[in-house]
Amino acid sequence: MSTLWKLLGFRLGKREKSILLLMRAGDALRGKSVPVWVDICRVFEIEFGSLSKKHQPEEFCEENKYKCALSRLVRVCLIKPDVKVREDFSLLDPRGHGYDYYRLTELGCLVVEALWLRECQRVLLLRAKEDLEKVLCQFRGLGCVEVTLDQLLEGLWELSGEGFGDRIEFDRFWSNTKIGVMLQNCGGVERSRVSRRNRRRKYRLT
């Protein structure tokens, strides 16, 4: 992902990423024109009451931030506005932020796919960490003071093995390095060696 940003010469903010992922969810990768402004208001709950906008500063500020994000995406050529016509033949041109409908450019499609892959990996790692914490809780519940990587792997296989095609796929995902890194972020775990001769890792549950 960082390589892609270096090639493009710019980085995207949180709102820009959210807009691009909304467009992907709207099937924009197939060249479809997406009513992304409507989606933004719905998903991020940008709603105004009966008072004028100047009397609703929080909503007004959030609206402007997404307007700026849309403008930046157009400026860096990831999306482009698409002029649509209503049934009454009036242009969809909301005052202040451009058009309701946008479509991805060719470059935008590449960036969206990279974002989506990164998001899928993030979600997968979050679920994996949750599974690891569940296994640690199970060992603590059994009164275990120390566990080895092999024991953790077997616990993870029993808990989430059905989510993998086979044990080979499972072992490829749950490498010793990945477990070790995740355990560093889990509270109440101290790392040591099994013995002087056996240099494998074991973990003390505190």
N, C-alpha and C. Protein backbone atom coordinates (compact mmCIF):
# COMPACT_ATOMS: atom_id res chain seq x y z
N MET A 1 0.83 -1.20 0.00
CA MET A 1 0.00 0.00 0.00
C MET A 1 0.86 1.24 0.00
N SER A 2 1.93 1.27 0.80
CA SER A 2 2.81 2.43 0.83
C SER A 2 3.48 2.65 -0.51
N THR A 3 3.78 1.53 -1.23
CA THR A 3 4.37 1.65 -2.55
C THR A 3 3.43 2.35 -3.51
N LEU A 4 2.14 2.03 -3.41
CA LEU A 4 1.14 2.68 -4.25
C LEU A 4 1.10 4.18 -3.99
N TRP A 5 1.12 4.57 -2.70
CA TRP A 5 1.10 6.00 -2.39
C TRP A 5 2.32 6.70 -2.95
N LYS A 6 3.49 6.02 -2.89
CA LYS A 6 4.71 6.63 -3.42
C LYS A 6 4.61 6.84 -4.92
N LEU A 7 4.01 5.88 -5.61
CA LEU A 7 3.85 6.01 -7.05
C LEU A 7 2.88 7.13 -7.39
N LEU A 8 1.81 7.26 -6.60
CA LEU A 8 0.82 8.29 -6.87
C LEU A 8 1.31 9.67 -6.45
N GLY A 9 2.15 9.72 -5.44
CA GLY A 9 2.67 11.00 -4.99
C GLY A 9 1.77 11.72 -4.01
N PHE A 10 0.78 11.04 -3.44
CA PHE A 10 -0.09 11.67 -2.44
C PHE A 10 -0.65 10.60 -1.52
N ARG A 11 -1.16 11.04 -0.38
CA ARG A 11 -1.79 10.13 0.57
C ARG A 11 -3.24 10.55 0.77
N LEU A 12 -4.07 9.59 1.07
CA LEU A 12 -5.49 9.86 1.27
C LEU A 12 -5.82 9.93 2.75
N GLY A 13 -6.74 10.83 3.10
CA GLY A 13 -7.21 10.94 4.47
C GLY A 13 -8.31 9.93 4.75
N LYS A 14 -8.75 9.91 6.00
CA LYS A 14 -9.76 8.94 6.44
C LYS A 14 -11.06 9.10 5.65
N ARG A 15 -11.50 10.32 5.43
CA ARG A 15 -12.76 10.54 4.73
C ARG A 15 -12.66 10.18 3.25
N GLU A 16 -11.52 10.48 2.64
CA GLU A 16 -11.34 10.12 1.24
C GLU A 16 -11.40 8.60 1.06
N LYS A 17 -10.75 7.88 1.99
CA LYS A 17 -10.78 6.42 1.92
C LYS A 17 -12.21 5.90 2.09
N SER A 18 -12.94 6.50 3.03
CA SER A 18 -14.33 6.07 3.26
C SER A 18 -15.18 6.28 2.02
N ILE A 19 -14.98 7.40 1.34
CA ILE A 19 -15.76 7.69 0.13
C ILE A 19 -15.45 6.67 -0.95
N LEU A 20 -14.18 6.35 -1.14
CA LEU A 20 -13.81 5.39 -2.18
C LEU A 20 -14.38 4.00 -1.88
N LEU A 21 -14.35 3.59 -0.60
CA LEU A 21 -14.91 2.29 -0.24
C LEU A 21 -16.43 2.28 -0.40
N LEU A 22 -17.08 3.41 -0.16
CA LEU A 22 -18.52 3.52 -0.40
C LEU A 22 -18.82 3.35 -1.89
N MET A 23 -17.97 3.93 -2.73
CA MET A 23 -18.18 3.80 -4.17
C MET A 23 -17.99 2.36 -4.62
N ARG A 24 -17.03 1.67 -4.01
CA ARG A 24 -16.84 0.26 -4.35
C ARG A 24 -18.06 -0.56 -3.96
N ALA A 25 -18.61 -0.26 -2.77
CA ALA A 25 -19.82 -0.96 -2.33
C ALA A 25 -20.99 -0.67 -3.26
N GLY A 26 -20.95 0.48 -3.92
CA GLY A 26 -22.01 0.84 -4.86
C GLY A 26 -21.77 0.32 -6.26
N ASP A 27 -20.82 -0.61 -6.40
CA ASP A 27 -20.56 -1.25 -7.68
C ASP A 27 -19.89 -0.33 -8.69
N ALA A 28 -19.15 0.66 -8.20
CA ALA A 28 -18.50 1.61 -9.12
C ALA A 28 -17.38 0.97 -9.93
N LEU A 29 -16.84 -0.17 -9.45
CA LEU A 29 -15.77 -0.83 -10.20
C LEU A 29 -16.24 -1.33 -11.56
N ARG A 30 -17.53 -1.51 -11.73
CA ARG A 30 -18.07 -1.95 -13.01
C ARG A 30 -18.37 -0.76 -13.93
N GLY A 31 -17.89 0.41 -13.55
CA GLY A 31 -18.11 1.59 -14.36
C GLY A 31 -19.41 2.29 -14.07
N LYS A 32 -20.07 1.84 -12.99
CA LYS A 32 -21.36 2.41 -12.65
C LYS A 32 -21.19 3.79 -12.01
N SER A 33 -22.11 4.70 -12.33
CA SER A 33 -22.13 6.01 -11.70
C SER A 33 -22.86 5.88 -10.37
N VAL A 34 -22.23 6.34 -9.29
CA VAL A 34 -22.73 6.09 -7.94
C VAL A 34 -23.20 7.39 -7.28
N PRO A 35 -24.39 7.39 -6.66
CA PRO A 35 -24.88 8.57 -5.93
C PRO A 35 -24.19 8.70 -4.58
N VAL A 36 -22.88 8.94 -4.62
CA VAL A 36 -22.08 8.81 -3.41
C VAL A 36 -22.39 9.88 -2.38
N TRP A 37 -22.83 11.08 -2.80
CA TRP A 37 -23.16 12.09 -1.80
C TRP A 37 -24.35 11.66 -0.95
N VAL A 38 -25.31 11.03 -1.58
CA VAL A 38 -26.46 10.50 -0.85
C VAL A 38 -26.00 9.42 0.13
N ASP A 39 -25.08 8.56 -0.31
CA ASP A 39 -24.55 7.50 0.54
C ASP A 39 -23.78 8.08 1.72
N ILE A 40 -23.01 9.13 1.47
CA ILE A 40 -22.24 9.77 2.54
C ILE A 40 -23.18 10.29 3.63
N CYS A 41 -24.21 11.00 3.22
CA CYS A 41 -25.16 11.56 4.19
C CYS A 41 -25.87 10.47 4.98
N ARG A 42 -26.16 9.35 4.31
CA ARG A 42 -26.87 8.25 4.97
C ARG A 42 -25.96 7.49 5.93
N VAL A 43 -24.79 7.08 5.45
CA VAL A 43 -23.89 6.25 6.25
C VAL A 43 -23.30 7.03 7.43
N PHE A 44 -22.94 8.28 7.20
CA PHE A 44 -22.29 9.06 8.24
C PHE A 44 -23.26 10.01 8.94
N GLU A 45 -24.54 9.81 8.67
CA GLU A 45 -25.63 10.49 9.39
C GLU A 45 -25.47 12.01 9.40
N ILE A 46 -25.25 12.56 8.22
CA ILE A 46 -25.20 14.02 8.09
C ILE A 46 -26.62 14.50 7.79
N GLU A 47 -27.30 14.91 8.82
CA GLU A 47 -28.70 15.32 8.69
C GLU A 47 -28.91 16.68 9.34
N PHE A 48 -29.68 17.51 8.67
CA PHE A 48 -29.98 18.84 9.20
C PHE A 48 -31.45 18.91 9.60
N GLY A 49 -31.69 19.59 10.70
CA GLY A 49 -33.07 19.79 11.13
C GLY A 49 -33.69 20.97 10.40
N SER A 50 -34.72 21.52 10.99
CA SER A 50 -35.47 22.60 10.34
C SER A 50 -34.75 23.95 10.43
N LEU A 51 -33.78 24.06 11.38
CA LEU A 51 -33.05 25.31 11.51
C LEU A 51 -32.06 25.49 10.36
N SER A 52 -31.61 26.71 10.17
CA SER A 52 -30.61 26.96 9.13
C SER A 52 -29.30 26.29 9.52
N LYS A 53 -28.44 26.03 8.52
CA LYS A 53 -27.20 25.30 8.76
C LYS A 53 -26.28 26.02 9.75
N LYS A 54 -26.31 27.35 9.74
CA LYS A 54 -25.41 28.08 10.63
C LYS A 54 -25.75 27.86 12.10
N HIS A 55 -26.97 27.38 12.36
CA HIS A 55 -27.37 27.07 13.73
C HIS A 55 -27.17 25.59 14.08
N GLN A 56 -26.54 24.86 13.15
CA GLN A 56 -26.23 23.45 13.37
C GLN A 56 -24.75 23.23 13.03
N PRO A 57 -23.86 23.81 13.82
CA PRO A 57 -22.44 23.86 13.46
C PRO A 57 -21.77 22.50 13.32
N GLU A 58 -22.12 21.52 14.13
CA GLU A 58 -21.47 20.21 14.05
C GLU A 58 -21.78 19.54 12.72
N GLU A 59 -23.05 19.52 12.33
CA GLU A 59 -23.43 18.91 11.06
C GLU A 59 -22.84 19.68 9.89
N PHE A 60 -22.85 21.01 10.00
CA PHE A 60 -22.33 21.86 8.94
C PHE A 60 -20.83 21.62 8.74
N CYS A 61 -20.11 21.48 9.85
CA CYS A 61 -18.66 21.24 9.79
C CYS A 61 -18.37 19.89 9.15
N GLU A 62 -19.12 18.85 9.56
CA GLU A 62 -18.90 17.51 9.01
C GLU A 62 -19.24 17.47 7.52
N GLU A 63 -20.30 18.16 7.14
CA GLU A 63 -20.68 18.22 5.73
C GLU A 63 -19.56 18.84 4.90
N ASN A 64 -19.00 19.94 5.39
CA ASN A 64 -17.92 20.62 4.67
C ASN A 64 -16.68 19.74 4.53
N LYS A 65 -16.40 18.94 5.57
CA LYS A 65 -15.23 18.06 5.52
C LYS A 65 -15.39 17.02 4.41
N TYR A 66 -16.59 16.49 4.25
CA TYR A 66 -16.81 15.51 3.18
C TYR A 66 -16.86 16.18 1.81
N LYS A 67 -17.33 17.42 1.75
CA LYS A 67 -17.28 18.16 0.50
C LYS A 67 -15.84 18.36 0.05
N CYS A 68 -14.98 18.72 1.00
CA CYS A 68 -13.56 18.91 0.70
C CYS A 68 -12.92 17.60 0.27
N ALA A 69 -13.31 16.49 0.92
CA ALA A 69 -12.77 15.18 0.55
C ALA A 69 -13.17 14.81 -0.88
N LEU A 70 -14.42 15.06 -1.24
CA LEU A 70 -14.87 14.81 -2.61
C LEU A 70 -14.07 15.65 -3.61
N SER A 71 -13.90 16.92 -3.29
CA SER A 71 -13.16 17.82 -4.18
C SER A 71 -11.72 17.36 -4.38
N ARG A 72 -11.12 16.86 -3.31
CA ARG A 72 -9.73 16.40 -3.42
C ARG A 72 -9.65 15.15 -4.27
N LEU A 73 -10.60 14.25 -4.13
CA LEU A 73 -10.60 13.05 -4.95
C LEU A 73 -10.74 13.37 -6.43
N VAL A 74 -11.54 14.40 -6.72
CA VAL A 74 -11.67 14.84 -8.11
C VAL A 74 -10.36 15.47 -8.58
N ARG A 75 -9.75 16.26 -7.71
CA ARG A 75 -8.53 16.98 -8.06
C ARG A 75 -7.37 16.03 -8.36
N VAL A 76 -7.30 14.90 -7.64
CA VAL A 76 -6.21 13.95 -7.88
C VAL A 76 -6.62 12.87 -8.87
N CYS A 77 -7.75 13.08 -9.53
CA CYS A 77 -8.18 12.23 -10.65
C CYS A 77 -8.51 10.79 -10.28
N LEU A 78 -9.07 10.60 -9.07
CA LEU A 78 -9.53 9.26 -8.68
C LEU A 78 -11.02 9.08 -8.96
N ILE A 79 -11.77 10.17 -8.93
CA ILE A 79 -13.18 10.13 -9.30
C ILE A 79 -13.49 11.32 -10.19
N LYS A 80 -14.62 11.25 -10.86
CA LYS A 80 -15.06 12.40 -11.66
C LYS A 80 -16.57 12.53 -11.53
N PRO A 81 -17.08 13.76 -11.50
CA PRO A 81 -18.53 13.96 -11.37
C PRO A 81 -19.24 13.51 -12.62
N ASP A 82 -20.44 13.03 -12.42
CA ASP A 82 -21.25 12.55 -13.53
C ASP A 82 -22.58 13.30 -13.50
N VAL A 83 -22.85 14.07 -14.54
CA VAL A 83 -24.08 14.86 -14.60
C VAL A 83 -25.23 13.94 -14.95
N LYS A 84 -26.17 13.83 -14.05
CA LYS A 84 -27.37 13.04 -14.28
C LYS A 84 -28.58 13.95 -14.40
N VAL A 85 -29.61 13.43 -14.96
CA VAL A 85 -30.84 14.20 -15.13
C VAL A 85 -31.96 13.50 -14.39
N ARG A 86 -32.70 14.26 -13.59
CA ARG A 86 -33.85 13.70 -12.89
C ARG A 86 -34.98 13.44 -13.89
N GLU A 87 -36.04 12.80 -13.38
CA GLU A 87 -37.19 12.56 -14.24
C GLU A 87 -37.83 13.87 -14.71
N ASP A 88 -37.66 14.93 -13.89
CA ASP A 88 -38.22 16.21 -14.30
C ASP A 88 -37.21 17.01 -15.13
N PHE A 89 -36.09 16.32 -15.54
CA PHE A 89 -35.06 16.90 -16.41
C PHE A 89 -34.24 18.01 -15.76
N SER A 90 -34.26 18.12 -14.43
CA SER A 90 -33.41 19.09 -13.75
C SER A 90 -32.09 18.42 -13.37
N LEU A 91 -30.99 19.14 -13.48
CA LEU A 91 -29.68 18.58 -13.19
C LEU A 91 -29.52 18.31 -11.70
N LEU A 92 -28.87 17.20 -11.37
CA LEU A 92 -28.53 16.90 -9.98
C LEU A 92 -27.25 17.65 -9.64
N ASP A 93 -27.39 18.87 -9.20
CA ASP A 93 -26.23 19.69 -8.91
C ASP A 93 -26.44 20.38 -7.56
N PRO A 94 -26.31 19.62 -6.45
CA PRO A 94 -26.55 20.20 -5.13
C PRO A 94 -25.65 21.40 -4.88
N ARG A 95 -26.20 22.45 -4.34
CA ARG A 95 -25.42 23.66 -4.09
C ARG A 95 -24.30 23.40 -3.10
N GLY A 96 -23.11 23.81 -3.47
CA GLY A 96 -22.01 23.80 -2.50
C GLY A 96 -21.05 22.63 -2.60
N HIS A 97 -21.43 21.52 -3.24
CA HIS A 97 -20.46 20.42 -3.28
C HIS A 97 -20.38 19.72 -4.62
N GLY A 98 -21.01 20.20 -5.64
CA GLY A 98 -20.88 19.55 -6.94
C GLY A 98 -22.06 18.68 -7.25
N TYR A 99 -21.81 17.48 -7.69
CA TYR A 99 -22.88 16.60 -8.15
C TYR A 99 -23.14 15.47 -7.16
N ASP A 100 -24.33 14.91 -7.24
CA ASP A 100 -24.64 13.73 -6.44
C ASP A 100 -23.87 12.51 -6.94
N TYR A 101 -23.78 12.37 -8.23
CA TYR A 101 -23.24 11.15 -8.85
C TYR A 101 -21.77 11.33 -9.24
N TYR A 102 -21.00 10.29 -8.92
CA TYR A 102 -19.58 10.27 -9.31
C TYR A 102 -19.25 8.87 -9.82
N ARG A 103 -18.24 8.79 -10.66
CA ARG A 103 -17.74 7.49 -11.10
C ARG A 103 -16.23 7.43 -10.91
N LEU A 104 -15.70 6.24 -10.75
CA LEU A 104 -14.26 6.05 -10.57
C LEU A 104 -13.54 6.21 -11.90
N THR A 105 -12.35 6.80 -11.85
CA THR A 105 -11.47 6.81 -13.01
C THR A 105 -10.72 5.47 -13.04
N GLU A 106 -9.94 5.26 -14.08
CA GLU A 106 -9.15 4.03 -14.16
C GLU A 106 -8.16 3.95 -13.00
N LEU A 107 -7.53 5.08 -12.70
CA LEU A 107 -6.62 5.13 -11.56
C LEU A 107 -7.39 4.92 -10.25
N GLY A 108 -8.58 5.49 -10.16
CA GLY A 108 -9.40 5.32 -8.96
C GLY A 108 -9.73 3.86 -8.69
N CYS A 109 -9.98 3.10 -9.75
CA CYS A 109 -10.28 1.67 -9.59
C CYS A 109 -9.10 0.93 -8.97
N LEU A 110 -7.89 1.27 -9.41
CA LEU A 110 -6.69 0.62 -8.85
C LEU A 110 -6.52 0.95 -7.38
N VAL A 111 -6.75 2.21 -7.04
CA VAL A 111 -6.59 2.64 -5.65
C VAL A 111 -7.65 2.00 -4.76
N VAL A 112 -8.90 1.93 -5.26
CA VAL A 112 -9.98 1.32 -4.48
C VAL A 112 -9.70 -0.15 -4.19
N GLU A 113 -9.20 -0.87 -5.18
CA GLU A 113 -8.89 -2.29 -4.96
C GLU A 113 -7.78 -2.46 -3.92
N ALA A 114 -6.78 -1.56 -3.96
CA ALA A 114 -5.70 -1.61 -2.97
C ALA A 114 -6.25 -1.31 -1.57
N LEU A 115 -7.14 -0.32 -1.49
CA LEU A 115 -7.77 0.00 -0.21
C LEU A 115 -8.59 -1.16 0.32
N TRP A 116 -9.35 -1.79 -0.56
CA TRP A 116 -10.21 -2.91 -0.17
C TRP A 116 -9.39 -4.08 0.35
N LEU A 117 -8.30 -4.37 -0.32
CA LEU A 117 -7.43 -5.46 0.11
C LEU A 117 -6.86 -5.18 1.49
N ARG A 118 -6.44 -3.93 1.69
CA ARG A 118 -5.90 -3.55 3.00
C ARG A 118 -6.96 -3.64 4.09
N GLU A 119 -8.18 -3.23 3.77
CA GLU A 119 -9.27 -3.29 4.75
C GLU A 119 -9.61 -4.74 5.10
N CYS A 120 -9.62 -5.62 4.09
CA CYS A 120 -9.90 -7.04 4.34
C CYS A 120 -8.82 -7.64 5.24
N GLN A 121 -7.58 -7.28 4.99
CA GLN A 121 -6.48 -7.79 5.82
C GLN A 121 -6.60 -7.28 7.26
N ARG A 122 -7.00 -6.02 7.41
CA ARG A 122 -7.16 -5.44 8.75
C ARG A 122 -8.26 -6.18 9.52
N VAL A 123 -9.39 -6.42 8.85
CA VAL A 123 -10.50 -7.13 9.50
C VAL A 123 -10.09 -8.55 9.86
N LEU A 124 -9.36 -9.20 8.95
CA LEU A 124 -8.92 -10.57 9.20
C LEU A 124 -7.99 -10.64 10.40
N LEU A 125 -7.09 -9.67 10.53
CA LEU A 125 -6.17 -9.66 11.65
C LEU A 125 -6.88 -9.36 12.97
N LEU A 126 -7.90 -8.49 12.92
CA LEU A 126 -8.67 -8.19 14.13
C LEU A 126 -9.40 -9.45 14.62
N ARG A 127 -9.98 -10.19 13.68
CA ARG A 127 -10.67 -11.44 14.06
C ARG A 127 -9.68 -12.45 14.60
N ALA A 128 -8.51 -12.50 13.98
CA ALA A 128 -7.48 -13.44 14.43
C ALA A 128 -7.05 -13.12 15.86
N LYS A 129 -6.87 -11.84 16.15
CA LYS A 129 -6.48 -11.45 17.50
C LYS A 129 -7.57 -11.81 18.51
N GLU A 130 -8.83 -11.61 18.12
CA GLU A 130 -9.94 -11.98 19.00
C GLU A 130 -9.92 -13.49 19.28
N ASP A 131 -9.64 -14.29 18.24
CA ASP A 131 -9.57 -15.74 18.43
C ASP A 131 -8.43 -16.10 19.37
N LEU A 132 -7.28 -15.45 19.20
CA LEU A 132 -6.14 -15.73 20.06
C LEU A 132 -6.46 -15.38 21.52
N GLU A 133 -7.12 -14.28 21.75
CA GLU A 133 -7.48 -13.88 23.11
C GLU A 133 -8.49 -14.86 23.72
N LYS A 134 -9.39 -15.40 22.90
CA LYS A 134 -10.33 -16.40 23.39
C LYS A 134 -9.60 -17.67 23.83
N VAL A 135 -8.61 -18.07 23.04
CA VAL A 135 -7.84 -19.28 23.39
C VAL A 135 -7.06 -19.06 24.68
N LEU A 136 -6.49 -17.88 24.84
CA LEU A 136 -5.77 -17.57 26.08
C LEU A 136 -6.71 -17.64 27.28
N CYS A 137 -7.93 -17.12 27.10
CA CYS A 137 -8.92 -17.17 28.19
C CYS A 137 -9.29 -18.61 28.52
N GLN A 138 -9.37 -19.46 27.50
CA GLN A 138 -9.69 -20.86 27.74
C GLN A 138 -8.60 -21.54 28.57
N PHE A 139 -7.34 -21.26 28.23
CA PHE A 139 -6.24 -21.85 29.00
C PHE A 139 -6.24 -21.33 30.44
N ARG A 140 -6.50 -20.04 30.60
CA ARG A 140 -6.57 -19.50 31.96
C ARG A 140 -7.71 -20.15 32.74
N GLY A 141 -8.82 -20.38 32.06
CA GLY A 141 -9.96 -21.02 32.71
C GLY A 141 -9.67 -22.44 33.14
N LEU A 142 -8.74 -23.10 32.43
CA LEU A 142 -8.34 -24.46 32.80
C LEU A 142 -7.26 -24.47 33.87
N GLY A 143 -6.85 -23.29 34.30
CA GLY A 143 -5.84 -23.20 35.35
C GLY A 143 -4.41 -23.26 34.86
N CYS A 144 -4.21 -23.14 33.55
CA CYS A 144 -2.85 -23.20 32.99
C CYS A 144 -2.07 -21.94 33.34
N VAL A 145 -0.81 -22.14 33.73
CA VAL A 145 0.07 -21.02 34.06
C VAL A 145 0.97 -20.69 32.88
N GLU A 146 1.37 -21.73 32.14
CA GLU A 146 2.24 -21.55 30.97
C GLU A 146 1.68 -22.33 29.79
N VAL A 147 1.90 -21.81 28.60
CA VAL A 147 1.51 -22.51 27.37
C VAL A 147 2.62 -22.35 26.34
N THR A 148 2.72 -23.33 25.46
CA THR A 148 3.69 -23.26 24.37
C THR A 148 2.98 -22.84 23.08
N LEU A 149 3.77 -22.52 22.06
CA LEU A 149 3.18 -22.15 20.77
C LEU A 149 2.37 -23.31 20.19
N ASP A 150 2.87 -24.55 20.38
CA ASP A 150 2.14 -25.71 19.87
C ASP A 150 0.77 -25.83 20.52
N GLN A 151 0.71 -25.58 21.82
CA GLN A 151 -0.59 -25.63 22.51
C GLN A 151 -1.53 -24.53 22.01
N LEU A 152 -0.98 -23.35 21.79
CA LEU A 152 -1.80 -22.26 21.27
C LEU A 152 -2.32 -22.58 19.87
N LEU A 153 -1.46 -23.17 19.05
CA LEU A 153 -1.88 -23.53 17.70
C LEU A 153 -3.02 -24.55 17.73
N GLU A 154 -2.91 -25.54 18.60
CA GLU A 154 -3.96 -26.54 18.68
C GLU A 154 -5.27 -25.91 19.18
N GLY A 155 -5.16 -24.99 20.14
CA GLY A 155 -6.35 -24.30 20.61
C GLY A 155 -6.99 -23.47 19.52
N LEU A 156 -6.17 -22.79 18.73
CA LEU A 156 -6.70 -21.98 17.63
C LEU A 156 -7.32 -22.86 16.56
N TRP A 157 -6.72 -24.02 16.30
CA TRP A 157 -7.27 -24.94 15.30
C TRP A 157 -8.65 -25.44 15.72
N GLU A 158 -8.80 -25.78 16.99
CA GLU A 158 -10.10 -26.24 17.49
C GLU A 158 -11.14 -25.13 17.43
N LEU A 159 -10.71 -23.89 17.68
CA LEU A 159 -11.64 -22.77 17.72
C LEU A 159 -12.04 -22.29 16.33
N SER A 160 -11.07 -22.15 15.44
CA SER A 160 -11.35 -21.51 14.15
C SER A 160 -10.88 -22.28 12.93
N GLY A 161 -10.49 -23.54 13.13
CA GLY A 161 -9.97 -24.31 12.01
C GLY A 161 -10.94 -24.49 10.87
N GLU A 162 -12.24 -24.52 11.18
CA GLU A 162 -13.23 -24.72 10.12
C GLU A 162 -13.30 -23.54 9.15
N GLY A 163 -12.73 -22.41 9.54
CA GLY A 163 -12.71 -21.25 8.66
C GLY A 163 -11.62 -21.32 7.61
N PHE A 164 -10.79 -22.36 7.66
CA PHE A 164 -9.71 -22.53 6.69
C PHE A 164 -9.99 -23.76 5.83
N GLY A 165 -9.39 -23.77 4.66
CA GLY A 165 -9.61 -24.89 3.75
C GLY A 165 -9.08 -26.21 4.30
N ASP A 166 -7.90 -26.15 4.90
CA ASP A 166 -7.28 -27.34 5.50
C ASP A 166 -6.22 -26.89 6.50
N ARG A 167 -5.54 -27.86 7.09
CA ARG A 167 -4.54 -27.53 8.12
C ARG A 167 -3.34 -26.80 7.51
N ILE A 168 -3.03 -27.11 6.26
CA ILE A 168 -1.90 -26.44 5.61
C ILE A 168 -2.18 -24.94 5.48
N GLU A 169 -3.40 -24.60 5.07
CA GLU A 169 -3.77 -23.18 4.95
C GLU A 169 -3.76 -22.52 6.32
N PHE A 170 -4.24 -23.26 7.33
CA PHE A 170 -4.25 -22.74 8.69
C PHE A 170 -2.83 -22.46 9.18
N ASP A 171 -1.92 -23.42 9.00
CA ASP A 171 -0.54 -23.25 9.46
C ASP A 171 0.17 -22.14 8.70
N ARG A 172 -0.21 -21.95 7.44
CA ARG A 172 0.40 -20.87 6.66
C ARG A 172 -0.01 -19.50 7.22
N PHE A 173 -1.27 -19.40 7.65
CA PHE A 173 -1.75 -18.14 8.22
C PHE A 173 -1.19 -17.93 9.62
N TRP A 174 -1.29 -18.97 10.47
CA TRP A 174 -0.85 -18.85 11.86
C TRP A 174 0.60 -19.24 11.99
N SER A 175 1.50 -18.44 11.47
CA SER A 175 2.93 -18.69 11.61
C SER A 175 3.35 -18.37 13.05
N ASN A 176 4.48 -18.95 13.47
CA ASN A 176 4.98 -18.67 14.83
C ASN A 176 5.26 -17.17 15.01
N THR A 177 5.75 -16.54 13.95
CA THR A 177 6.05 -15.10 14.03
C THR A 177 4.78 -14.30 14.26
N LYS A 178 3.70 -14.66 13.54
CA LYS A 178 2.45 -13.91 13.69
C LYS A 178 1.89 -14.07 15.10
N ILE A 179 1.92 -15.29 15.62
CA ILE A 179 1.43 -15.50 16.98
C ILE A 179 2.26 -14.71 17.98
N GLY A 180 3.59 -14.74 17.80
CA GLY A 180 4.46 -14.01 18.72
C GLY A 180 4.19 -12.52 18.72
N VAL A 181 3.99 -11.95 17.54
CA VAL A 181 3.72 -10.51 17.43
C VAL A 181 2.38 -10.17 18.08
N MET A 182 1.36 -11.00 17.83
CA MET A 182 0.04 -10.75 18.41
C MET A 182 0.06 -10.89 19.93
N LEU A 183 0.83 -11.84 20.42
CA LEU A 183 0.88 -12.04 21.87
C LEU A 183 1.52 -10.85 22.58
N GLN A 184 2.40 -10.14 21.87
CA GLN A 184 3.01 -8.95 22.46
C GLN A 184 1.97 -7.87 22.73
N ASN A 185 0.87 -7.91 21.96
CA ASN A 185 -0.21 -6.92 22.13
C ASN A 185 -1.34 -7.42 23.02
N CYS A 186 -1.17 -8.63 23.55
CA CYS A 186 -2.19 -9.18 24.46
C CYS A 186 -1.71 -8.99 25.90
N GLY A 187 -2.55 -8.45 26.72
CA GLY A 187 -2.18 -8.21 28.10
C GLY A 187 -2.08 -9.50 28.90
N GLY A 188 -1.23 -9.50 29.92
CA GLY A 188 -1.12 -10.65 30.81
C GLY A 188 -0.38 -11.83 30.23
N VAL A 189 0.60 -11.59 29.34
CA VAL A 189 1.38 -12.68 28.75
C VAL A 189 2.85 -12.31 28.80
N GLU A 190 3.67 -13.20 29.36
CA GLU A 190 5.12 -12.99 29.43
C GLU A 190 5.83 -14.10 28.68
N ARG A 191 6.83 -13.73 27.89
CA ARG A 191 7.51 -14.69 27.02
C ARG A 191 8.80 -15.18 27.65
N SER A 192 9.10 -16.48 27.44
CA SER A 192 10.37 -17.05 27.89
C SER A 192 10.70 -18.26 27.01
N ARG A 193 11.78 -18.98 27.36
CA ARG A 193 12.17 -20.19 26.63
C ARG A 193 11.76 -21.43 27.42
N VAL A 194 11.52 -22.53 26.70
CA VAL A 194 11.12 -23.77 27.37
C VAL A 194 12.24 -24.24 28.30
N SER A 195 13.49 -24.23 27.83
CA SER A 195 14.64 -24.62 28.65
C SER A 195 15.91 -24.12 27.95
N ARG A 196 17.06 -24.35 28.58
CA ARG A 196 18.32 -23.94 27.95
C ARG A 196 18.56 -24.71 26.66
N ARG A 197 18.23 -25.99 26.67
CA ARG A 197 18.44 -26.81 25.48
C ARG A 197 17.32 -26.63 24.46
N ASN A 198 16.13 -26.54 24.95
CA ASN A 198 14.98 -26.36 24.06
C ASN A 198 14.68 -24.87 23.98
N ARG A 199 15.04 -24.25 22.86
CA ARG A 199 14.93 -22.81 22.72
C ARG A 199 13.56 -22.36 22.23
N ARG A 200 12.60 -23.26 22.14
CA ARG A 200 11.26 -22.87 21.71
C ARG A 200 10.63 -21.93 22.74
N ARG A 201 9.72 -21.10 22.26
CA ARG A 201 9.07 -20.13 23.12
C ARG A 201 7.97 -20.78 23.96
N LYS A 202 7.81 -20.26 25.18
CA LYS A 202 6.64 -20.58 25.98
C LYS A 202 6.15 -19.26 26.57
N TYR A 203 4.89 -19.24 26.98
CA TYR A 203 4.28 -17.99 27.43
C TYR A 203 3.63 -18.21 28.80
N ARG A 204 3.99 -17.35 29.69
CA ARG A 204 3.42 -17.40 31.05
C ARG A 204 2.18 -16.51 31.07
N LEU A 205 1.08 -17.08 31.58
CA LEU A 205 -0.19 -16.36 31.66
C LEU A 205 -0.30 -15.72 33.03
N THR A 206 -0.30 -14.39 33.08
CA THR A 206 -0.34 -13.71 34.36
C THR A 206 -1.72 -13.10 34.60
